[in-house]
Protein backbone atom coordinates (compact mmCIF):
# COMPACT_ATOMS: atom_id res chain seq x y z
CA UNK A 1 -35.61 56.28 -64.22
CA UNK A 2 -36.24 52.98 -62.49
CA UNK A 3 -37.90 53.27 -59.08
CA UNK A 4 -36.06 51.27 -56.37
CA UNK A 5 -37.93 48.17 -55.28
CA UNK A 6 -39.10 48.24 -51.65
CA UNK A 7 -39.02 45.12 -49.45
CA UNK A 8 -42.36 43.33 -49.57
CA UNK A 9 -44.40 43.47 -46.37
CA UNK A 10 -45.08 40.05 -44.88
CA UNK A 11 -48.45 38.69 -45.84
CA UNK A 12 -51.27 38.56 -43.30
CA UNK A 13 -51.18 34.78 -43.48
CA UNK A 14 -47.50 34.68 -42.55
CA UNK A 15 -48.02 37.16 -39.73
CA UNK A 16 -50.87 35.11 -38.30
CA UNK A 17 -48.83 31.93 -38.63
CA UNK A 18 -45.99 33.50 -36.65
CA UNK A 19 -48.40 34.54 -33.93
CA UNK A 20 -49.91 31.08 -33.87
CA UNK A 21 -46.46 29.61 -33.29
CA UNK A 22 -46.14 31.92 -30.31
CA UNK A 23 -49.38 30.35 -29.09
CA UNK A 24 -51.93 33.16 -29.31
CA UNK A 25 -53.07 36.02 -31.49
CA UNK A 26 -52.37 39.53 -30.24
CA UNK A 27 -55.35 41.20 -28.66
CA UNK A 28 -57.22 37.92 -28.19
CA UNK A 29 -58.46 37.14 -24.69
CA UNK A 30 -57.11 33.95 -23.17
CA UNK A 31 -59.79 31.63 -21.77
CA UNK A 32 -59.70 28.18 -20.19
CA UNK A 33 -62.06 26.22 -17.96
CA UNK A 34 -60.40 24.54 -14.98
CA UNK A 35 -61.23 21.14 -13.52
CA UNK A 36 -63.72 22.68 -11.09
CA UNK A 37 -65.71 24.14 -13.96
CA UNK A 38 -64.55 27.73 -13.43
CA UNK A 39 -63.85 29.84 -16.51
CA UNK A 40 -60.55 31.68 -16.21
CA UNK A 41 -60.04 34.64 -18.52
CA UNK A 42 -56.77 36.54 -18.92
CA UNK A 43 -56.18 39.69 -20.95
CA UNK A 44 -53.00 38.12 -22.35
CA UNK A 45 -50.98 34.92 -21.90
CA UNK A 46 -49.66 34.59 -18.35
CA UNK A 47 -46.14 35.90 -17.79
CA UNK A 48 -45.70 35.32 -14.03
CA UNK A 49 -46.88 31.93 -12.81
CA UNK A 50 -46.91 30.36 -9.34
CA UNK A 51 -47.53 26.61 -8.98
CA UNK A 52 -48.79 25.09 -5.73
CA UNK A 53 -48.04 21.43 -6.43
CA UNK A 54 -44.89 19.71 -7.76
CA UNK A 55 -46.76 18.02 -10.62
CA UNK A 56 -48.12 21.39 -11.75
CA UNK A 57 -44.55 22.69 -11.91
CA UNK A 58 -43.64 19.75 -14.16
CA UNK A 59 -46.68 20.37 -16.34
CA UNK A 60 -45.81 24.03 -16.85
CA UNK A 61 -42.31 23.07 -18.02
CA UNK A 62 -43.73 20.35 -20.28
CA UNK A 63 -46.18 22.86 -21.76
CA UNK A 64 -43.32 25.18 -22.69
CA UNK A 65 -43.83 27.76 -19.95
CA UNK A 66 -40.95 27.08 -17.60
CA UNK A 67 -39.55 30.56 -18.18
CA UNK A 68 -42.81 32.03 -16.83
CA UNK A 69 -42.50 30.40 -13.40
CA UNK A 70 -41.70 32.83 -10.59
CA UNK A 71 -42.62 30.69 -7.56
CA UNK A 72 -43.19 27.03 -6.70
CA UNK A 73 -44.16 24.88 -3.76
CA UNK A 74 -41.72 22.70 -1.81
CA UNK A 75 -40.60 19.46 -3.52
CA UNK A 76 -40.87 21.00 -6.97
CA UNK A 77 -37.62 19.36 -8.05
CA UNK A 78 -38.17 18.42 -11.69
CA UNK A 79 -36.84 19.41 -14.12
CA UNK A 80 -33.55 20.57 -12.61
CA UNK A 81 -34.36 24.23 -13.36
CA UNK A 82 -37.32 24.05 -10.94
CA UNK A 83 -34.94 23.65 -7.98
CA UNK A 84 -33.68 27.22 -8.39
CA UNK A 85 -37.12 28.85 -8.22
CA UNK A 86 -38.37 30.73 -5.14
CA UNK A 87 -40.43 28.67 -2.68
CA UNK A 88 -43.85 29.89 -1.56
CA UNK A 89 -44.63 27.25 1.05
CA UNK A 90 -45.65 23.62 1.19
CA UNK A 91 -48.82 21.52 1.27
CA UNK A 92 -49.49 22.57 4.87
CA UNK A 93 -48.77 26.30 4.82
CA UNK A 94 -48.53 28.91 2.09
CA UNK A 95 -46.48 32.08 2.34
CA UNK A 96 -49.19 34.43 1.13
CA UNK A 97 -47.00 37.48 1.58
CA UNK A 98 -44.34 35.96 -0.66
CA UNK A 99 -46.93 34.99 -3.26
CA UNK A 100 -48.24 38.56 -3.32
CA UNK A 101 -44.72 39.97 -3.67
CA UNK A 102 -44.13 37.79 -6.73
CA UNK A 103 -47.09 39.49 -8.48
CA UNK A 104 -48.34 36.39 -10.32
CA UNK A 105 -50.85 36.74 -13.12
CA UNK A 106 -51.68 33.02 -12.82
CA UNK A 107 -51.71 30.67 -9.82
CA UNK A 108 -52.05 26.93 -10.45
CA UNK A 109 -53.62 24.96 -7.59
CA UNK A 110 -54.10 21.24 -6.95
CA UNK A 111 -57.63 21.17 -5.54
CA UNK A 112 -57.26 17.98 -3.47
CA UNK A 113 -53.80 18.97 -2.28
CA UNK A 114 -54.82 22.30 -0.80
CA UNK A 115 -57.22 22.92 2.08
CA UNK A 116 -60.35 25.02 1.67
CA UNK A 117 -58.95 27.65 4.05
CA UNK A 118 -55.87 28.07 1.85
CA UNK A 119 -58.01 28.32 -1.27
CA UNK A 120 -60.13 31.01 0.40
CA UNK A 121 -56.98 32.95 1.29
CA UNK A 122 -55.87 32.85 -2.34
CA UNK A 123 -59.27 34.04 -3.53
CA UNK A 124 -59.06 36.93 -1.07
CA UNK A 125 -55.87 38.06 -2.81
CA UNK A 126 -57.90 38.44 -6.04
CA UNK A 127 -55.39 36.39 -8.02
CA UNK A 128 -56.31 34.45 -11.18
CA UNK A 129 -56.48 30.85 -9.93
CA UNK A 130 -56.68 27.68 -12.04
CA UNK A 131 -57.72 24.60 -10.03
CA UNK A 132 -56.47 21.25 -11.25
CA UNK A 133 -57.95 17.87 -10.27
CA UNK A 134 -56.48 15.07 -12.36
CA UNK A 135 -58.11 11.64 -12.07
CA UNK A 136 -57.19 10.09 -15.43
CA UNK A 137 -54.26 10.17 -17.85
CA UNK A 138 -56.54 11.91 -20.33
CA UNK A 139 -56.83 14.73 -17.78
CA UNK A 140 -53.03 15.16 -17.81
CA UNK A 141 -53.16 15.69 -21.57
CA UNK A 142 -56.12 18.06 -21.25
CA UNK A 143 -54.27 20.06 -18.57
CA UNK A 144 -51.27 20.41 -20.86
CA UNK A 145 -53.51 21.82 -23.57
CA UNK A 146 -55.21 24.22 -21.15
CA UNK A 147 -51.83 25.42 -19.92
CA UNK A 148 -50.76 25.95 -23.51
CA UNK A 149 -53.74 28.26 -23.93
CA UNK A 150 -53.12 30.16 -20.70
CA UNK A 151 -49.39 30.52 -21.34
CA UNK A 152 -49.55 31.18 -25.07
CA UNK A 153 -47.49 28.04 -25.79
CA UNK A 154 -50.12 25.90 -27.48
CA UNK A 155 -47.84 24.49 -30.16
CA UNK A 156 -45.45 22.89 -27.66
CA UNK A 157 -48.17 22.03 -25.13
CA UNK A 158 -50.37 20.28 -27.71
CA UNK A 159 -47.38 18.33 -29.00
CA UNK A 160 -46.55 17.22 -25.45
CA UNK A 161 -50.17 16.16 -24.88
CA UNK A 162 -50.24 14.15 -28.11
CA UNK A 163 -46.94 12.42 -27.32
CA UNK A 164 -48.19 11.58 -23.80
CA UNK A 165 -51.34 9.93 -25.11
CA UNK A 166 -49.43 8.00 -27.76
CA UNK A 167 -47.18 6.50 -25.09
CA UNK A 168 -50.15 5.77 -22.82
CA UNK A 169 -52.19 4.10 -25.56
CA UNK A 170 -49.21 1.99 -26.60
CA UNK A 171 -48.79 0.84 -22.99
CA UNK A 172 -52.45 -0.17 -22.74
CA UNK A 173 -52.32 -2.07 -26.03
CA UNK A 174 -49.32 -4.02 -24.83
CA UNK A 175 -50.48 -5.02 -21.35
CA UNK A 176 -54.21 -4.58 -20.72
CA UNK A 177 -55.30 -7.86 -22.31
CA UNK A 178 -52.92 -10.07 -20.36
CA UNK A 179 -54.07 -12.45 -17.58
CA UNK A 180 -55.25 -10.49 -14.52
CA UNK A 181 -53.14 -10.07 -11.38
CA UNK A 182 -54.61 -8.95 -8.04
CA UNK A 183 -52.76 -5.82 -6.88
CA UNK A 184 -52.72 -4.04 -3.54
CA UNK A 185 -51.29 -0.53 -3.84
CA UNK A 186 -49.98 0.79 -0.52
CA UNK A 187 -49.86 4.51 0.13
CA UNK A 188 -49.01 4.28 3.84
CA UNK A 189 -48.78 1.65 6.56
CA UNK A 190 -49.80 3.51 9.78
CA UNK A 191 -52.73 3.34 9.21
CA UNK A 192 -52.80 1.11 6.16
CA UNK A 193 -53.92 3.28 3.24
CA UNK A 194 -54.61 2.27 -0.33
CA UNK A 195 -56.35 3.64 -3.44
CA UNK A 196 -59.90 3.28 -4.73
CA UNK A 197 -60.91 2.83 -8.34
CA UNK A 198 -61.23 6.61 -8.67
CA UNK A 199 -57.51 7.20 -8.18
CA UNK A 200 -55.21 7.89 -11.13
CA UNK A 201 -52.91 5.03 -10.10
CA UNK A 202 -55.88 2.66 -10.31
CA UNK A 203 -56.12 3.49 -14.01
CA UNK A 204 -52.49 2.42 -14.39
CA UNK A 205 -53.20 -0.88 -12.62
CA UNK A 206 -56.06 -1.58 -15.03
CA UNK A 207 -53.97 -0.56 -18.05
CA UNK A 208 -51.35 -3.10 -16.95
CA UNK A 209 -53.89 -5.91 -16.79
CA UNK A 210 -54.02 -5.74 -13.01
CA UNK A 211 -57.02 -5.74 -10.67
CA UNK A 212 -57.06 -3.22 -7.83
CA UNK A 213 -58.31 -5.31 -4.90
CA UNK A 214 -59.95 -2.29 -3.25
CA UNK A 215 -61.27 -0.57 -6.34
CA UNK A 216 -64.82 -0.58 -4.97
CA UNK A 217 -64.14 1.50 -1.86
CA UNK A 218 -65.29 5.12 -1.66
CA UNK A 219 -62.95 8.09 -1.51
CA UNK A 220 -59.61 8.42 -3.27
CA UNK A 221 -57.35 7.04 -0.53
CA UNK A 222 -59.33 4.77 1.82
CA UNK A 223 -57.95 3.28 5.03
CA UNK A 224 -58.29 -0.51 5.38
CA UNK A 225 -57.49 -3.00 8.11
CA UNK A 226 -54.63 -5.46 7.85
CA UNK A 227 -57.21 -8.24 8.15
CA UNK A 228 -59.07 -6.92 5.10
CA UNK A 229 -55.82 -6.64 3.15
CA UNK A 230 -54.99 -10.24 3.98
CA UNK A 231 -58.46 -11.43 2.93
CA UNK A 232 -58.06 -9.64 -0.41
CA UNK A 233 -55.03 -11.92 -0.97
CA UNK A 234 -53.13 -9.74 -3.48
CA UNK A 235 -50.68 -11.41 -5.83
CA UNK A 236 -48.56 -8.24 -5.92
CA UNK A 237 -48.04 -5.52 -3.33
CA UNK A 238 -46.97 -2.24 -4.92
CA UNK A 239 -46.20 1.21 -3.62
CA UNK A 240 -43.68 4.02 -3.57
CA UNK A 241 -40.11 3.21 -2.64
CA UNK A 242 -38.82 4.81 0.56
CA UNK A 243 -35.03 5.15 0.65
CA UNK A 244 -33.49 1.80 -0.35
CA UNK A 245 -36.20 -0.49 1.01
CA UNK A 246 -37.07 -3.65 -0.93
CA UNK A 247 -40.05 -4.81 1.15
CA UNK A 248 -43.20 -2.73 1.84
CA UNK A 249 -43.46 -1.23 5.31
CA UNK A 250 -45.98 -2.60 7.81
CA UNK A 251 -47.12 -6.03 8.96
CA UNK A 252 -46.82 -7.91 5.67
CA UNK A 253 -44.15 -10.27 6.97
CA UNK A 254 -46.71 -11.60 9.49
CA UNK A 255 -49.29 -12.30 6.77
CA UNK A 256 -47.64 -15.40 5.36
CA UNK A 257 -50.94 -16.65 3.92
CA UNK A 258 -51.03 -13.76 1.42
CA UNK A 259 -49.92 -14.88 -2.04
CA UNK A 260 -47.66 -11.86 -2.65
CA UNK A 261 -45.91 -12.40 0.70
CA UNK A 262 -45.43 -16.12 0.12
CA UNK A 263 -43.86 -15.46 -3.28
CA UNK A 264 -42.12 -12.20 -2.28
CA UNK A 265 -43.80 -10.29 -5.09
CA UNK A 266 -43.31 -6.62 -4.34
CA UNK A 267 -43.00 -3.58 -6.57
CA UNK A 268 -41.53 -0.51 -4.89
CA UNK A 269 -41.44 2.24 -7.48
CA UNK A 270 -39.84 5.72 -7.69
CA UNK A 271 -42.29 8.00 -5.85
CA UNK A 272 -41.80 10.90 -8.26
CA UNK A 273 -43.25 8.92 -11.18
CA UNK A 274 -46.59 7.29 -10.31
CA UNK A 275 -46.99 9.65 -7.38
CA UNK A 276 -47.16 12.76 -9.55
CA UNK A 277 -49.85 13.61 -12.07
CA UNK A 278 -47.49 14.81 -14.79
CA UNK A 279 -46.02 13.47 -18.04
CA UNK A 280 -43.69 11.11 -16.16
CA UNK A 281 -46.70 9.22 -14.81
CA UNK A 282 -46.59 7.04 -17.93
CA UNK A 283 -42.98 6.12 -17.13
CA UNK A 284 -44.10 4.99 -13.68
CA UNK A 285 -47.01 3.06 -15.19
CA UNK A 286 -44.58 1.21 -17.46
CA UNK A 287 -42.53 0.11 -14.42
CA UNK A 288 -45.74 -1.04 -12.72
CA UNK A 289 -46.76 -3.00 -15.82
CA UNK A 290 -43.40 -4.73 -15.87
CA UNK A 291 -43.78 -5.66 -12.19
CA UNK A 292 -47.31 -6.99 -12.73
CA UNK A 293 -46.05 -8.97 -15.72
CA UNK A 294 -43.37 -10.59 -13.55
CA UNK A 295 -46.04 -11.58 -11.04
CA UNK A 296 -48.07 -13.48 -13.65
């Protein structure tokens, strides 16, 4: 009598491969070091995530963890699915009661975008907190990979990080060696605020073959006088677009000796691109490169 053949059990290699595609191996602790040097350890990939900056919301979606988000901060509007998520406050005030009710097993924080008092309040809740502080495009890619580890979505997150760096490197190869253009990047006009060489946007200016006229100042977002801005004589004035404006806000029209004003060389860009430290930053950098190229 012939014994019936039983289905073969999947091999250990196949089982491990399936788990790897899910992003983690069962029973393995999840560890990642945040940008403040703190080691975060989870018993399993995070299932309930709260993000306290719009760019962190974008990064979670890009890393393949959008379905884990249970709460976001105001202005988390990309991708479209983020608009439907519960709000837990804004950059000025957090709804700690709401955060607690959402029972997050991971809270993502932008260190520079949140006050020390708010960070202390979060620590008091004994929640697992990952602090992000992105200063370079390479940090965006590294954050994607870290999120992939914490969310158990490493396959998608690593692919997103690789694609980001490929686009960024291609942009640098195309523009960085072109003749330099002096650029003033305006964050605000009352008072006049710009960026130092430490700012992420400054890296984009350099990648485009531009020269940040206030790269040597200390701090991320220094305040300068209008007289100093005029003396720097930028060839291009760039910044975020507000509504439908075509000319930067402030006293520029009075400074007719400034090269950019004389030639009407302005670049007002979508604020959600260069202004956020997520994958779309490279799209904003490309628009800035094109504007700098036109000013040559």
